[in-house]
Amino acid sequence: MITLLLGGASSGKSALAESMAPESGVTYIATAVAGDPDMAARIEAHRARRPAGWATIEAEAGLASVIRATPGFILVDSLTTWVAGSPGFAVAGGELCRALVERGGDSLVVSDEVGMGVHPSTEPGRRFREALGAVNQAVAAVAGEVLLVVAGRSLRLDPSPRIRSGTAPLA
């Protein structure tokens, strides 16, 4: 089963995902790169929270390949840093979704919901919001369960018919 956890920054998504995962047999697929001291500290806090028995793979551009090659339960944290770290925010969202659907084990995927805030004031900010929003919609479409996390609490989102929009699907 694929489960997607969405929420704002520091909403408790990662901690909730970690609590939903089994105690053992988990591969944590990290996508963040420590580009500055703040991000390095956040990455270290995530590492310190994880059970010692969990394997960790640091994936960047080849996220779909890593997902395909990793058996068992995976926790992907997060699509946000994957998109942000990709040149021009261009990611293979369709390939990511196929990898999630085709793999044998359960997948727990974390991502920021960036469409609920103010309109980004810069062109790169708008491109990032649109790119991540498209990836989130694509993963939600293949997920068996989608949770919205706010203030450490989760709300199950009901599936709905595919909404027509000006955004091309990630096939």
Protein backbone atom coordinates (compact mmCIF):
# COMPACT_ATOMS: atom_id res chain seq x y z
CA MET A 1 0.00 0.00 0.00
CA ILE A 2 1.11 3.56 -0.70
CA THR A 3 0.39 6.16 1.98
CA LEU A 4 1.04 9.87 1.39
CA LEU A 5 1.43 12.28 4.31
CA LEU A 6 1.03 15.94 3.38
CA GLY A 7 1.35 19.01 5.58
CA GLY A 8 3.04 22.31 6.08
CA ALA A 9 6.63 22.80 7.20
CA SER A 10 7.20 21.59 10.78
CA SER A 11 3.65 20.22 10.97
CA GLY A 12 4.74 16.85 12.38
CA LYS A 13 4.64 14.87 9.10
CA SER A 14 7.97 13.11 9.52
CA ALA A 15 7.43 12.23 13.18
CA LEU A 16 3.98 10.84 12.35
CA ALA A 17 5.38 8.84 9.42
CA GLU A 18 8.08 7.39 11.66
CA SER A 19 5.46 6.41 14.26
CA MET A 20 3.35 4.69 11.56
CA ALA A 21 6.25 2.56 10.31
CA PRO A 22 6.97 -0.86 11.75
CA GLU A 23 9.69 -1.11 14.41
CA SER A 24 12.01 -3.08 12.14
CA GLY A 25 12.52 -3.89 8.48
CA VAL A 26 12.24 -0.25 7.42
CA THR A 27 14.37 1.50 4.82
CA TYR A 28 14.32 5.26 5.25
CA ILE A 29 14.93 6.98 1.90
CA ALA A 30 16.19 10.49 2.62
CA THR A 31 16.18 13.14 -0.10
CA ALA A 32 17.51 16.20 1.77
CA VAL A 33 20.98 17.60 1.21
CA ALA A 34 22.67 19.58 3.98
CA GLY A 35 23.23 22.77 2.02
CA ASP A 36 23.36 25.08 5.04
CA PRO A 37 23.74 24.78 8.84
CA ASP A 38 19.97 24.91 9.43
CA MET A 39 19.28 22.04 7.03
CA ALA A 40 22.22 20.07 8.46
CA ALA A 41 20.70 20.44 11.94
CA ARG A 42 17.27 19.34 10.71
CA ILE A 43 18.77 16.27 8.99
CA GLU A 44 20.68 15.36 12.16
CA ALA A 45 17.50 15.66 14.27
CA HIS A 46 15.71 13.29 11.89
CA ARG A 47 18.62 10.82 12.04
CA ALA A 48 18.69 10.88 15.84
CA ARG A 49 14.95 10.13 16.02
CA ARG A 50 15.10 7.03 13.82
CA PRO A 51 15.35 3.54 15.32
CA ALA A 52 18.90 2.17 15.08
CA GLY A 53 17.70 -0.88 13.15
CA TRP A 54 16.35 1.09 10.21
CA ALA A 55 18.47 1.22 7.06
CA THR A 56 18.97 4.64 5.47
CA ILE A 57 19.54 5.38 1.80
CA GLU A 58 20.30 8.92 0.68
CA ALA A 59 18.67 9.39 -2.70
CA GLU A 60 18.68 12.46 -4.84
CA ALA A 61 17.96 12.53 -8.57
CA GLY A 62 17.57 8.74 -8.87
CA LEU A 63 14.69 8.47 -6.39
CA ALA A 64 12.51 6.22 -8.58
CA SER A 65 15.43 3.83 -9.17
CA VAL A 66 16.15 3.64 -5.44
CA ILE A 67 12.48 2.95 -4.70
CA ARG A 68 12.35 0.17 -7.30
CA ALA A 69 15.52 -1.45 -5.94
CA THR A 70 14.51 -1.35 -2.26
CA PRO A 71 12.49 -4.30 -0.95
CA GLY A 72 10.20 -4.24 2.08
CA PHE A 73 8.76 -1.23 3.84
CA ILE A 74 10.07 2.17 2.74
CA LEU A 75 9.63 5.64 4.19
CA VAL A 76 10.45 8.39 1.68
CA ASP A 77 11.17 11.73 3.36
CA SER A 78 10.51 13.89 1.43
CA LEU A 79 9.23 14.76 -2.01
CA THR A 80 9.67 18.42 -1.08
CA THR A 81 13.45 18.25 -0.81
CA TRP A 82 13.60 15.95 -3.86
CA VAL A 83 11.82 18.54 -6.03
CA ALA A 84 13.73 21.46 -4.47
CA GLY A 85 17.07 19.75 -5.19
CA SER A 86 16.28 19.02 -8.82
CA PRO A 87 17.58 21.47 -11.46
CA GLY A 88 14.72 23.74 -12.49
CA PHE A 89 12.44 21.71 -10.18
CA ALA A 90 12.08 19.22 -13.07
CA VAL A 91 11.43 15.73 -11.72
CA ALA A 92 10.22 12.50 -13.24
CA GLY A 93 6.92 12.36 -11.34
CA GLY A 94 5.40 9.73 -13.60
CA GLU A 95 8.43 7.49 -13.15
CA LEU A 96 8.21 7.99 -9.38
CA CYS A 97 4.54 6.96 -9.37
CA ARG A 98 5.24 3.88 -11.50
CA ALA A 99 8.06 2.86 -9.14
CA LEU A 100 5.75 3.20 -6.13
CA VAL A 101 2.93 1.24 -7.79
CA GLU A 102 5.16 -1.54 -9.15
CA ARG A 103 7.17 -2.28 -6.01
CA GLY A 104 6.19 -5.14 -3.73
CA GLY A 105 6.41 -3.54 -0.27
CA ASP A 106 4.48 -0.84 1.50
CA SER A 107 5.50 2.77 0.88
CA LEU A 108 5.04 5.72 3.20
CA VAL A 109 5.76 9.03 1.43
CA VAL A 110 6.12 12.46 3.08
CA SER A 111 5.69 15.80 1.28
CA ASP A 112 4.91 19.42 2.06
CA GLU A 113 1.58 20.87 1.00
CA VAL A 114 2.68 24.21 -0.42
CA GLY A 115 -0.55 25.27 -2.10
CA MET A 116 -2.30 26.52 1.04
CA GLY A 117 -0.07 29.51 1.70
CA VAL A 118 0.36 32.90 0.15
CA HIS A 119 1.09 33.31 -3.53
CA PRO A 120 4.90 33.08 -3.93
CA SER A 121 6.41 36.48 -4.66
CA THR A 122 9.12 35.16 -6.97
CA GLU A 123 9.02 33.29 -10.25
CA PRO A 124 11.19 30.41 -8.88
CA GLY A 125 8.87 30.18 -5.87
CA ARG A 126 5.86 29.86 -8.17
CA ARG A 127 7.60 27.23 -10.32
CA PHE A 128 8.51 25.24 -7.20
CA ARG A 129 4.94 25.39 -5.86
CA GLU A 130 3.54 24.23 -9.21
CA ALA A 131 6.11 21.41 -9.59
CA LEU A 132 5.60 20.07 -6.06
CA GLY A 133 1.82 20.44 -6.34
CA ALA A 134 1.82 18.35 -9.53
CA VAL A 135 3.97 15.63 -7.91
CA ASN A 136 1.77 15.58 -4.80
CA GLN A 137 -1.38 15.22 -6.93
CA ALA A 138 0.18 12.41 -8.95
CA VAL A 139 1.29 10.46 -5.88
CA ALA A 140 -2.08 11.06 -4.19
CA ALA A 141 -3.79 9.59 -7.27
CA VAL A 142 -1.92 6.28 -6.85
CA ALA A 143 -1.94 6.21 -3.03
CA GLY A 144 -4.33 4.02 -1.11
CA GLU A 145 -4.39 6.53 1.73
CA VAL A 146 -3.63 10.26 1.96
CA LEU A 147 -3.33 12.06 5.30
CA LEU A 148 -3.12 15.80 5.88
CA VAL A 149 -0.99 16.61 8.94
CA VAL A 150 -1.56 19.85 10.87
CA ALA A 151 -0.03 20.59 14.28
CA GLY A 152 0.94 16.95 14.70
CA ARG A 153 -2.60 15.72 14.06
CA SER A 154 -3.76 13.92 10.95
CA LEU A 155 -6.90 14.05 8.88
CA ARG A 156 -7.68 11.30 6.35
CA LEU A 157 -8.49 12.74 2.94
CA ASP A 158 -11.20 10.96 1.00
CA PRO A 159 -10.48 10.00 -2.59
CA SER A 160 -12.23 12.14 -5.12
CA PRO A 161 -12.68 11.97 -8.86
CA ARG A 162 -9.72 13.35 -10.79
CA ILE A 163 -10.15 17.10 -10.98
CA ARG A 164 -9.65 18.64 -14.38
CA SER A 165 -7.10 21.38 -14.32
CA GLY A 166 -4.69 23.17 -16.58
CA THR A 167 -1.86 21.00 -15.23
CA ALA A 168 -0.79 18.12 -17.46
CA PRO A 169 -0.86 14.73 -15.68
CA LEU A 170 2.47 13.13 -14.82
CA ALA A 171 2.26 10.03 -16.99
